[in-house]
N, C-alpha and C. Protein backbone atom coordinates (compact mmCIF):
# COMPACT_ATOMS: atom_id res chain seq x y z
N UNK A 1 8.88 -10.84 18.86
CA UNK A 1 9.25 -11.69 17.77
C UNK A 1 9.45 -10.75 16.51
N UNK A 2 10.63 -10.86 15.96
CA UNK A 2 10.98 -10.10 14.72
C UNK A 2 10.47 -10.94 13.48
N UNK A 3 9.39 -10.44 12.91
CA UNK A 3 8.84 -11.22 11.78
C UNK A 3 9.64 -10.98 10.48
N UNK A 4 10.27 -9.84 10.42
CA UNK A 4 11.11 -9.50 9.23
C UNK A 4 12.48 -9.10 9.68
N UNK A 5 13.29 -10.06 10.04
CA UNK A 5 14.70 -9.71 10.43
C UNK A 5 15.51 -9.08 9.36
N UNK A 6 16.25 -8.08 9.57
CA UNK A 6 17.05 -7.45 8.59
C UNK A 6 18.41 -8.29 8.28
N UNK A 7 18.89 -8.04 7.12
CA UNK A 7 20.19 -8.75 6.74
C UNK A 7 20.95 -7.62 6.00
N UNK A 8 22.22 -7.94 5.63
CA UNK A 8 23.04 -6.97 4.87
C UNK A 8 22.45 -6.61 3.55
N UNK A 9 21.75 -7.65 2.90
CA UNK A 9 21.20 -7.44 1.61
C UNK A 9 19.87 -6.72 1.79
N UNK A 10 19.16 -6.89 2.86
CA UNK A 10 17.94 -6.24 3.08
C UNK A 10 17.96 -5.60 4.52
N UNK A 11 18.58 -4.35 4.56
CA UNK A 11 18.74 -3.72 5.87
C UNK A 11 17.56 -2.96 6.44
N UNK A 12 16.45 -2.99 5.68
CA UNK A 12 15.21 -2.24 6.17
C UNK A 12 13.97 -2.89 5.66
N UNK A 13 13.06 -3.16 6.61
CA UNK A 13 11.70 -3.50 6.41
C UNK A 13 10.81 -2.51 7.07
N UNK A 14 9.98 -1.85 6.35
CA UNK A 14 9.16 -0.82 7.01
C UNK A 14 7.91 -0.56 6.15
N UNK A 15 7.05 0.38 6.70
CA UNK A 15 5.78 0.70 6.09
C UNK A 15 4.89 -0.49 5.78
N UNK A 16 4.71 -1.28 6.87
CA UNK A 16 3.91 -2.44 6.74
C UNK A 16 2.45 -2.37 7.13
N UNK A 17 1.69 -3.37 6.91
CA UNK A 17 0.29 -3.40 7.16
C UNK A 17 -0.13 -4.79 7.57
N UNK A 18 -1.11 -4.90 8.39
CA UNK A 18 -1.63 -6.18 8.79
C UNK A 18 -3.14 -6.23 8.73
N UNK A 19 -3.65 -7.39 8.27
CA UNK A 19 -5.14 -7.56 8.09
C UNK A 19 -5.40 -9.00 8.50
N UNK A 20 -6.52 -9.23 9.15
CA UNK A 20 -7.02 -10.54 9.44
C UNK A 20 -8.12 -10.90 8.47
N UNK A 21 -7.93 -12.05 7.79
CA UNK A 21 -8.95 -12.53 6.78
C UNK A 21 -10.06 -13.21 7.54
N UNK A 22 -11.17 -13.44 6.75
CA UNK A 22 -12.37 -14.09 7.44
C UNK A 22 -12.09 -15.46 8.06
N UNK A 23 -11.10 -16.18 7.46
CA UNK A 23 -10.77 -17.53 7.97
C UNK A 23 -9.79 -17.43 9.18
N UNK A 24 -9.53 -16.18 9.68
CA UNK A 24 -8.53 -16.03 10.81
C UNK A 24 -7.17 -15.90 10.43
N UNK A 25 -6.79 -16.13 9.20
CA UNK A 25 -5.39 -15.96 8.69
C UNK A 25 -4.98 -14.52 8.83
N UNK A 26 -3.81 -14.26 9.36
CA UNK A 26 -3.26 -12.91 9.47
C UNK A 26 -2.26 -12.81 8.32
N UNK A 27 -2.44 -11.65 7.57
CA UNK A 27 -1.53 -11.26 6.48
C UNK A 27 -0.73 -10.06 6.90
N UNK A 28 0.64 -10.12 6.80
CA UNK A 28 1.42 -9.00 7.23
C UNK A 28 2.27 -8.68 6.00
N UNK A 29 2.02 -7.50 5.36
CA UNK A 29 2.77 -7.03 4.20
C UNK A 29 3.74 -6.06 4.70
N UNK A 30 4.90 -5.93 3.99
CA UNK A 30 5.94 -4.98 4.38
C UNK A 30 6.83 -4.64 3.17
N UNK A 31 7.48 -3.47 3.17
CA UNK A 31 8.37 -3.10 2.15
C UNK A 31 9.74 -3.69 2.49
N UNK A 32 10.38 -4.38 1.55
CA UNK A 32 11.70 -4.97 1.73
C UNK A 32 12.63 -4.21 0.85
N UNK A 33 13.48 -3.40 1.41
CA UNK A 33 14.43 -2.56 0.85
C UNK A 33 15.73 -3.31 0.57
N UNK A 34 16.36 -3.06 -0.54
CA UNK A 34 17.60 -3.77 -0.97
C UNK A 34 18.85 -2.89 -0.74
N UNK A 35 19.77 -3.35 -0.01
CA UNK A 35 21.15 -2.79 0.13
C UNK A 35 21.23 -1.42 0.63
N UNK A 36 20.14 -0.81 1.12
CA UNK A 36 20.21 0.60 1.63
C UNK A 36 18.95 0.85 2.49
N UNK A 37 19.07 1.82 3.37
CA UNK A 37 18.01 2.29 4.20
C UNK A 37 17.16 3.33 3.54
N UNK A 38 17.60 3.92 2.45
CA UNK A 38 17.09 5.09 1.79
C UNK A 38 15.66 4.77 1.22
N UNK A 39 14.77 5.85 1.34
CA UNK A 39 13.45 5.70 0.71
C UNK A 39 13.52 5.57 -0.82
N UNK A 40 14.69 5.85 -1.36
CA UNK A 40 14.90 5.83 -2.86
C UNK A 40 15.72 4.55 -3.26
N UNK A 41 15.87 3.67 -2.33
CA UNK A 41 16.54 2.36 -2.68
C UNK A 41 15.63 1.44 -3.37
N UNK A 42 16.09 0.50 -4.08
CA UNK A 42 15.28 -0.50 -4.67
C UNK A 42 14.48 -1.24 -3.58
N UNK A 43 13.18 -1.57 -3.91
CA UNK A 43 12.38 -2.23 -2.91
C UNK A 43 11.14 -2.82 -3.59
N UNK A 44 10.70 -3.87 -3.02
CA UNK A 44 9.40 -4.42 -3.38
C UNK A 44 8.55 -4.68 -2.15
N UNK A 45 7.32 -5.14 -2.30
CA UNK A 45 6.46 -5.45 -1.14
C UNK A 45 6.34 -6.89 -1.06
N UNK A 46 6.54 -7.45 0.20
CA UNK A 46 6.53 -8.87 0.54
C UNK A 46 5.45 -9.05 1.60
N UNK A 47 5.09 -10.34 1.76
CA UNK A 47 4.07 -10.76 2.77
C UNK A 47 4.47 -12.03 3.41
N UNK A 48 3.91 -12.14 4.64
CA UNK A 48 3.98 -13.47 5.38
C UNK A 48 2.58 -13.64 5.97
N UNK A 49 2.30 -14.90 6.24
CA UNK A 49 0.96 -15.28 6.79
C UNK A 49 1.08 -15.99 8.14
N UNK A 50 0.20 -15.88 8.96
CA UNK A 50 0.19 -16.59 10.22
C UNK A 50 -1.27 -17.12 10.47
N UNK A 51 -1.30 -18.43 10.73
CA UNK A 51 -2.57 -19.20 11.01
C UNK A 51 -2.79 -19.31 12.51
N UNK A 52 -1.85 -18.87 13.31
CA UNK A 52 -2.00 -19.05 14.76
C UNK A 52 -1.88 -17.69 15.52
N UNK A 53 -2.47 -16.69 14.93
CA UNK A 53 -2.54 -15.36 15.67
C UNK A 53 -1.20 -14.65 15.74
N UNK A 54 -0.26 -15.04 14.90
CA UNK A 54 1.10 -14.36 14.90
C UNK A 54 2.12 -15.01 15.74
N UNK A 55 1.94 -16.22 16.25
CA UNK A 55 2.94 -16.97 16.89
C UNK A 55 4.02 -17.49 15.99
N UNK A 56 3.58 -18.02 14.85
CA UNK A 56 4.46 -18.48 13.78
C UNK A 56 4.14 -17.81 12.44
N UNK A 57 5.04 -17.72 11.56
CA UNK A 57 4.81 -17.10 10.27
C UNK A 57 5.32 -17.92 9.11
N UNK A 58 4.60 -17.73 7.96
CA UNK A 58 5.13 -18.52 6.75
C UNK A 58 6.37 -17.89 6.23
N UNK A 59 6.93 -18.54 5.19
CA UNK A 59 8.04 -18.00 4.53
C UNK A 59 7.57 -16.75 3.85
N UNK A 60 8.51 -15.89 3.47
CA UNK A 60 8.24 -14.70 2.77
C UNK A 60 7.93 -14.95 1.30
N UNK A 61 7.00 -14.17 0.80
CA UNK A 61 6.69 -14.25 -0.64
C UNK A 61 6.53 -12.83 -1.17
N UNK A 62 6.78 -12.58 -2.44
CA UNK A 62 6.62 -11.25 -3.00
C UNK A 62 5.15 -10.93 -3.33
N UNK A 63 4.62 -9.87 -2.74
CA UNK A 63 3.27 -9.48 -3.01
C UNK A 63 3.10 -8.48 -4.16
N UNK A 64 4.12 -7.61 -4.33
CA UNK A 64 4.07 -6.63 -5.40
C UNK A 64 5.60 -6.45 -5.84
N UNK A 65 5.85 -6.93 -7.08
CA UNK A 65 7.15 -6.65 -7.65
C UNK A 65 7.44 -5.14 -7.88
N UNK A 66 8.68 -4.77 -8.00
CA UNK A 66 9.02 -3.49 -8.28
C UNK A 66 8.59 -3.11 -9.70
N UNK A 67 7.60 -2.18 -9.84
CA UNK A 67 7.18 -1.69 -11.17
C UNK A 67 7.67 -0.36 -11.35
N UNK A 68 8.09 0.38 -10.32
CA UNK A 68 8.57 1.79 -10.43
C UNK A 68 10.09 1.75 -10.76
N UNK A 69 10.53 2.84 -11.36
CA UNK A 69 11.85 2.95 -11.73
C UNK A 69 12.80 2.81 -10.56
N UNK A 70 12.33 3.26 -9.36
CA UNK A 70 13.12 3.12 -8.06
C UNK A 70 12.56 2.04 -7.24
N UNK A 71 11.27 2.06 -6.90
CA UNK A 71 10.75 1.03 -6.02
C UNK A 71 9.24 1.09 -5.90
N UNK A 72 8.63 0.07 -5.17
CA UNK A 72 7.30 0.21 -4.65
C UNK A 72 7.41 0.03 -3.17
N UNK A 73 6.48 0.74 -2.47
CA UNK A 73 6.64 0.79 -1.01
C UNK A 73 5.30 1.09 -0.29
N UNK A 74 5.28 1.08 0.94
CA UNK A 74 4.20 1.65 1.84
C UNK A 74 2.83 0.89 1.59
N UNK A 75 2.75 -0.30 1.89
CA UNK A 75 1.58 -1.10 1.62
C UNK A 75 0.47 -0.74 2.70
N UNK A 76 -0.74 -0.87 2.28
CA UNK A 76 -1.91 -0.68 3.17
C UNK A 76 -2.97 -1.76 2.75
N UNK A 77 -3.27 -2.57 3.71
CA UNK A 77 -4.37 -3.69 3.44
C UNK A 77 -5.57 -3.19 4.16
N UNK A 78 -6.71 -3.16 3.32
CA UNK A 78 -7.94 -2.48 3.93
C UNK A 78 -9.10 -3.14 3.23
N UNK A 79 -10.10 -3.65 4.01
CA UNK A 79 -11.24 -4.26 3.44
C UNK A 79 -12.25 -3.06 3.01
N UNK A 80 -12.63 -3.09 1.76
CA UNK A 80 -13.54 -2.07 1.22
C UNK A 80 -14.89 -2.74 1.10
N UNK A 81 -15.85 -2.15 1.83
CA UNK A 81 -17.20 -2.66 1.94
C UNK A 81 -18.20 -1.98 0.99
N UNK A 82 -18.94 -2.77 0.17
CA UNK A 82 -19.99 -2.23 -0.53
C UNK A 82 -21.16 -1.96 0.27
N UNK A 83 -21.49 -0.60 0.43
CA UNK A 83 -22.56 -0.16 1.41
C UNK A 83 -23.86 -0.75 1.06
N UNK A 84 -24.15 -1.14 -0.18
CA UNK A 84 -25.39 -1.59 -0.54
C UNK A 84 -25.60 -3.13 -0.30
N UNK A 85 -24.53 -3.91 -0.49
CA UNK A 85 -24.63 -5.29 -0.50
C UNK A 85 -23.97 -5.91 0.76
N UNK A 86 -23.06 -5.18 1.40
CA UNK A 86 -22.31 -5.67 2.55
C UNK A 86 -21.02 -6.53 2.04
N UNK A 87 -20.92 -6.70 0.77
CA UNK A 87 -19.75 -7.57 0.36
C UNK A 87 -18.51 -6.78 0.53
N UNK A 88 -17.42 -7.39 0.70
CA UNK A 88 -16.07 -6.83 1.02
C UNK A 88 -15.05 -7.35 -0.04
N UNK A 89 -14.26 -6.42 -0.54
CA UNK A 89 -13.06 -6.74 -1.27
C UNK A 89 -11.92 -6.31 -0.47
N UNK A 90 -10.79 -7.05 -0.58
CA UNK A 90 -9.56 -6.66 0.05
C UNK A 90 -8.84 -5.68 -0.84
N UNK A 91 -8.65 -4.50 -0.28
CA UNK A 91 -7.82 -3.53 -1.04
C UNK A 91 -6.37 -3.54 -0.66
N UNK A 92 -5.46 -3.41 -1.64
CA UNK A 92 -4.06 -3.42 -1.39
C UNK A 92 -3.55 -2.12 -1.98
N UNK A 93 -3.30 -1.15 -1.17
CA UNK A 93 -2.79 0.16 -1.63
C UNK A 93 -1.24 0.11 -1.52
N UNK A 94 -0.54 0.78 -2.45
CA UNK A 94 0.91 0.89 -2.34
C UNK A 94 1.35 2.14 -3.21
N UNK A 95 2.59 2.44 -2.96
CA UNK A 95 3.21 3.58 -3.73
C UNK A 95 4.14 3.06 -4.80
N UNK A 96 4.20 3.67 -5.90
CA UNK A 96 5.18 3.40 -6.93
C UNK A 96 6.03 4.64 -7.23
N UNK A 97 7.28 4.51 -7.02
CA UNK A 97 8.22 5.64 -7.05
C UNK A 97 9.14 5.57 -8.24
N UNK A 98 8.98 6.58 -9.16
CA UNK A 98 9.76 6.67 -10.40
C UNK A 98 10.93 7.67 -10.28
N UNK A 99 10.63 8.68 -9.50
CA UNK A 99 11.70 9.80 -9.39
C UNK A 99 11.28 10.75 -8.22
N UNK A 100 12.10 11.82 -8.03
CA UNK A 100 11.81 12.80 -6.98
C UNK A 100 10.55 13.62 -7.34
N UNK A 101 10.11 13.52 -8.54
CA UNK A 101 8.90 14.25 -8.99
C UNK A 101 7.71 13.32 -9.32
N UNK A 102 7.96 12.00 -9.16
CA UNK A 102 6.95 11.04 -9.52
C UNK A 102 6.77 9.92 -8.60
N UNK A 103 5.85 10.11 -7.64
CA UNK A 103 5.49 9.04 -6.68
C UNK A 103 3.95 9.00 -6.66
N UNK A 104 3.37 7.89 -7.06
CA UNK A 104 1.91 7.75 -7.10
C UNK A 104 1.39 6.61 -6.32
N UNK A 105 0.16 6.77 -5.76
CA UNK A 105 -0.52 5.67 -5.02
C UNK A 105 -1.34 4.90 -5.97
N UNK A 106 -1.39 3.57 -5.78
CA UNK A 106 -2.21 2.61 -6.52
C UNK A 106 -2.95 1.78 -5.60
N UNK A 107 -3.99 1.19 -6.14
CA UNK A 107 -4.90 0.19 -5.51
C UNK A 107 -5.02 -1.05 -6.30
N UNK A 108 -4.92 -2.18 -5.70
CA UNK A 108 -5.22 -3.43 -6.36
C UNK A 108 -6.37 -4.11 -5.46
N UNK A 109 -7.37 -4.66 -6.21
CA UNK A 109 -8.51 -5.23 -5.48
C UNK A 109 -8.52 -6.72 -5.59
N UNK A 110 -8.98 -7.37 -4.48
CA UNK A 110 -9.12 -8.83 -4.48
C UNK A 110 -10.48 -9.22 -3.98
N UNK A 111 -11.17 -10.04 -4.80
CA UNK A 111 -12.50 -10.50 -4.31
C UNK A 111 -12.34 -11.86 -3.60
N UNK A 112 -11.10 -12.45 -3.57
CA UNK A 112 -10.92 -13.68 -2.90
C UNK A 112 -9.93 -13.60 -1.68
N UNK A 113 -9.97 -12.51 -0.94
CA UNK A 113 -9.17 -12.27 0.21
C UNK A 113 -7.64 -12.37 0.01
N UNK A 114 -7.13 -11.86 -1.15
CA UNK A 114 -5.76 -11.78 -1.40
C UNK A 114 -5.11 -12.96 -2.13
N UNK A 115 -5.94 -13.92 -2.49
CA UNK A 115 -5.26 -15.01 -3.34
C UNK A 115 -4.85 -14.52 -4.70
N UNK A 116 -5.70 -13.63 -5.26
CA UNK A 116 -5.35 -12.89 -6.52
C UNK A 116 -5.82 -11.49 -6.35
N UNK A 117 -5.19 -10.61 -7.13
CA UNK A 117 -5.44 -9.19 -7.15
C UNK A 117 -5.61 -8.71 -8.63
N UNK A 118 -6.53 -7.76 -8.78
CA UNK A 118 -6.62 -7.14 -10.15
C UNK A 118 -5.48 -6.25 -10.44
N UNK A 119 -5.62 -5.64 -11.64
CA UNK A 119 -4.62 -4.75 -12.13
C UNK A 119 -4.57 -3.44 -11.27
N UNK A 120 -3.46 -2.80 -11.17
CA UNK A 120 -3.31 -1.53 -10.35
C UNK A 120 -4.20 -0.45 -10.91
N UNK A 121 -4.82 0.31 -9.98
CA UNK A 121 -5.76 1.43 -10.29
C UNK A 121 -4.99 2.68 -9.68
N UNK A 122 -4.84 3.69 -10.48
CA UNK A 122 -4.20 4.93 -10.02
C UNK A 122 -5.07 5.66 -9.09
N UNK A 123 -4.59 5.95 -7.92
CA UNK A 123 -5.34 6.67 -6.83
C UNK A 123 -5.07 8.18 -6.89
N UNK A 124 -3.86 8.57 -7.41
CA UNK A 124 -3.38 9.96 -7.46
C UNK A 124 -3.24 10.38 -8.91
N UNK A 125 -4.35 10.78 -9.58
CA UNK A 125 -4.29 10.97 -10.97
C UNK A 125 -3.86 12.43 -11.41
N UNK A 126 -2.96 13.00 -10.64
CA UNK A 126 -2.43 14.30 -11.04
C UNK A 126 -0.87 14.27 -10.90
N UNK A 127 -0.12 15.01 -11.60
CA UNK A 127 1.35 14.89 -11.53
C UNK A 127 1.79 15.29 -10.14
N UNK A 128 2.92 14.74 -9.73
CA UNK A 128 3.57 15.10 -8.50
C UNK A 128 4.12 13.94 -7.69
N UNK A 129 4.72 14.30 -6.54
CA UNK A 129 5.27 13.33 -5.69
C UNK A 129 4.22 13.16 -4.47
N UNK A 130 3.48 12.12 -4.47
CA UNK A 130 2.37 11.94 -3.49
C UNK A 130 2.72 10.87 -2.44
N UNK A 131 2.82 11.33 -1.23
CA UNK A 131 3.14 10.44 -0.07
C UNK A 131 1.76 10.08 0.56
N UNK A 132 1.52 8.75 0.61
CA UNK A 132 0.38 8.31 1.34
C UNK A 132 0.88 7.30 2.34
N UNK A 133 0.97 7.68 3.66
CA UNK A 133 1.44 6.80 4.65
C UNK A 133 0.47 5.52 4.77
N UNK A 134 1.04 4.49 5.12
CA UNK A 134 0.25 3.26 5.22
C UNK A 134 -0.78 3.32 6.28
N UNK A 135 -1.91 2.52 6.04
CA UNK A 135 -3.00 2.40 6.90
C UNK A 135 -3.68 3.64 7.25
N UNK A 136 -3.94 4.52 6.28
CA UNK A 136 -4.61 5.80 6.54
C UNK A 136 -5.94 5.90 5.75
N UNK A 137 -6.20 4.87 4.96
CA UNK A 137 -7.45 4.84 4.07
C UNK A 137 -8.60 4.88 5.07
N UNK A 138 -9.68 5.63 4.70
CA UNK A 138 -10.94 5.66 5.43
C UNK A 138 -12.10 5.41 4.54
N UNK A 139 -13.15 4.64 4.99
CA UNK A 139 -14.34 4.51 4.27
C UNK A 139 -15.47 5.07 5.07
N UNK A 140 -16.20 6.01 4.48
CA UNK A 140 -17.37 6.60 5.22
C UNK A 140 -18.52 5.66 5.08
N UNK A 141 -19.60 5.89 5.93
CA UNK A 141 -20.78 5.04 5.81
C UNK A 141 -21.40 5.06 4.55
N UNK A 142 -21.30 6.14 3.76
CA UNK A 142 -21.88 6.20 2.44
C UNK A 142 -21.17 5.25 1.48
N UNK A 143 -20.00 4.83 1.85
CA UNK A 143 -19.20 3.98 0.90
C UNK A 143 -18.02 4.76 0.31
N UNK A 144 -18.02 6.01 0.46
CA UNK A 144 -16.94 6.92 -0.12
C UNK A 144 -15.59 6.51 0.50
N UNK A 145 -14.59 6.42 -0.29
CA UNK A 145 -13.18 6.14 0.18
C UNK A 145 -12.42 7.42 0.16
N UNK A 146 -11.65 7.68 1.22
CA UNK A 146 -10.79 8.88 1.34
C UNK A 146 -9.31 8.31 1.50
N UNK A 147 -8.46 8.85 0.66
CA UNK A 147 -7.05 8.53 0.73
C UNK A 147 -6.33 9.79 1.01
N UNK A 148 -5.84 9.96 2.26
CA UNK A 148 -5.14 11.24 2.56
C UNK A 148 -3.71 11.19 2.04
N UNK A 149 -3.34 12.25 1.35
CA UNK A 149 -2.02 12.33 0.64
C UNK A 149 -1.42 13.63 0.93
N UNK A 150 -0.05 13.67 1.07
CA UNK A 150 0.72 14.91 1.03
C UNK A 150 1.53 14.90 -0.27
N UNK A 151 1.45 16.07 -0.93
CA UNK A 151 1.98 16.17 -2.27
C UNK A 151 2.95 17.30 -2.43
N UNK A 152 3.96 17.13 -3.25
CA UNK A 152 4.99 18.11 -3.61
C UNK A 152 5.30 17.95 -5.11
N UNK A 153 5.56 19.07 -5.84
CA UNK A 153 5.93 18.90 -7.22
C UNK A 153 7.21 18.16 -7.43
N UNK A 154 8.18 18.35 -6.55
CA UNK A 154 9.50 17.75 -6.56
C UNK A 154 10.01 17.73 -5.26
N UNK A 155 10.16 16.50 -4.65
CA UNK A 155 10.58 16.38 -3.24
C UNK A 155 12.01 16.76 -3.01
N UNK A 156 12.87 16.81 -4.11
CA UNK A 156 14.26 17.16 -3.95
C UNK A 156 14.47 18.67 -3.93
N UNK A 157 13.72 19.36 -4.67
CA UNK A 157 13.83 20.90 -4.67
C UNK A 157 12.82 21.66 -3.96
N UNK A 158 11.63 20.98 -3.75
CA UNK A 158 10.50 21.63 -2.95
C UNK A 158 9.94 20.71 -1.95
N UNK A 159 10.56 20.82 -0.79
CA UNK A 159 10.14 19.81 0.28
C UNK A 159 9.00 20.38 1.07
N UNK A 160 8.17 21.22 0.42
CA UNK A 160 6.91 21.74 1.01
C UNK A 160 5.77 20.96 0.50
N UNK A 161 5.04 20.25 1.38
CA UNK A 161 3.93 19.37 0.98
C UNK A 161 2.60 20.02 1.27
N UNK A 162 1.65 19.80 0.40
CA UNK A 162 0.30 20.19 0.48
C UNK A 162 -0.55 18.95 0.73
N UNK A 163 -1.45 19.07 1.70
CA UNK A 163 -2.24 17.81 2.01
C UNK A 163 -3.63 17.89 1.40
N UNK A 164 -4.17 16.81 0.96
CA UNK A 164 -5.50 16.65 0.40
C UNK A 164 -5.91 15.18 0.49
N UNK A 165 -7.18 14.99 0.29
CA UNK A 165 -7.65 13.59 0.09
C UNK A 165 -8.08 13.33 -1.36
N UNK A 166 -7.71 12.14 -1.79
CA UNK A 166 -8.18 11.61 -3.03
C UNK A 166 -9.47 10.86 -2.68
N UNK A 167 -10.50 10.92 -3.56
CA UNK A 167 -11.78 10.40 -3.29
C UNK A 167 -12.23 9.40 -4.31
N UNK A 168 -12.93 8.33 -3.81
CA UNK A 168 -13.48 7.40 -4.71
C UNK A 168 -14.93 7.15 -4.21
N UNK A 169 -15.87 7.25 -5.18
CA UNK A 169 -17.24 7.05 -4.86
C UNK A 169 -17.82 5.68 -5.54
N UNK A 170 -16.84 4.88 -6.03
CA UNK A 170 -17.23 3.66 -6.80
C UNK A 170 -16.36 2.45 -6.29
N UNK A 171 -16.18 2.39 -4.97
CA UNK A 171 -15.41 1.30 -4.34
C UNK A 171 -13.97 1.17 -4.83
N UNK A 172 -13.36 2.29 -5.20
CA UNK A 172 -11.97 2.41 -5.59
C UNK A 172 -11.72 2.16 -7.05
N UNK A 173 -12.65 2.10 -7.81
CA UNK A 173 -12.45 1.85 -9.26
C UNK A 173 -11.90 3.20 -10.04
N UNK A 174 -12.38 4.34 -9.53
CA UNK A 174 -11.84 5.66 -10.01
C UNK A 174 -11.65 6.52 -8.87
N UNK A 175 -10.77 7.49 -9.06
CA UNK A 175 -10.29 8.45 -8.01
C UNK A 175 -10.15 9.85 -8.60
N UNK A 176 -10.44 10.84 -7.72
CA UNK A 176 -10.33 12.29 -8.08
C UNK A 176 -9.72 12.99 -6.87
N UNK A 177 -9.09 14.13 -7.17
CA UNK A 177 -8.54 14.91 -6.02
C UNK A 177 -9.72 15.60 -5.33
N UNK A 178 -9.57 15.75 -3.96
CA UNK A 178 -10.59 16.54 -3.18
C UNK A 178 -10.10 17.91 -3.11
């Protein structure tokens, strides 16, 4: 079943993520590109929900409007667990692309399983073009979050990437390079 069928106006859906909420609802987020297949095309992040394990899906709704000069893309949905209390917040990670030299990862947190999300938190607080592929976030038993990222100063002129993890020790509220 094609949950996100392409059209002439939206020829590409990619870099998606799926999470199952406590009530059994499945949330499927995806990048919806406009009028081009290019990673630099206009795009925003959309979502659909399924209450029957993926047999049927809701209508599409926008999860993250384009805030970047070019696009937002590459969603990751991930439950972040407080190691002390066991409480979980839904983390929504995404990339905001402004130029060939400016691509950053952000996190928005939800304490109500995605009904509402807080303001974006910068995950990659250093200059550069930072690629974080979807669904790569890891949480250690200590609670530490690791966000693996490949970085370049300018993807158009220097296509050599260096890899590192950005680290959060406060459930995603602040981040630093590893």
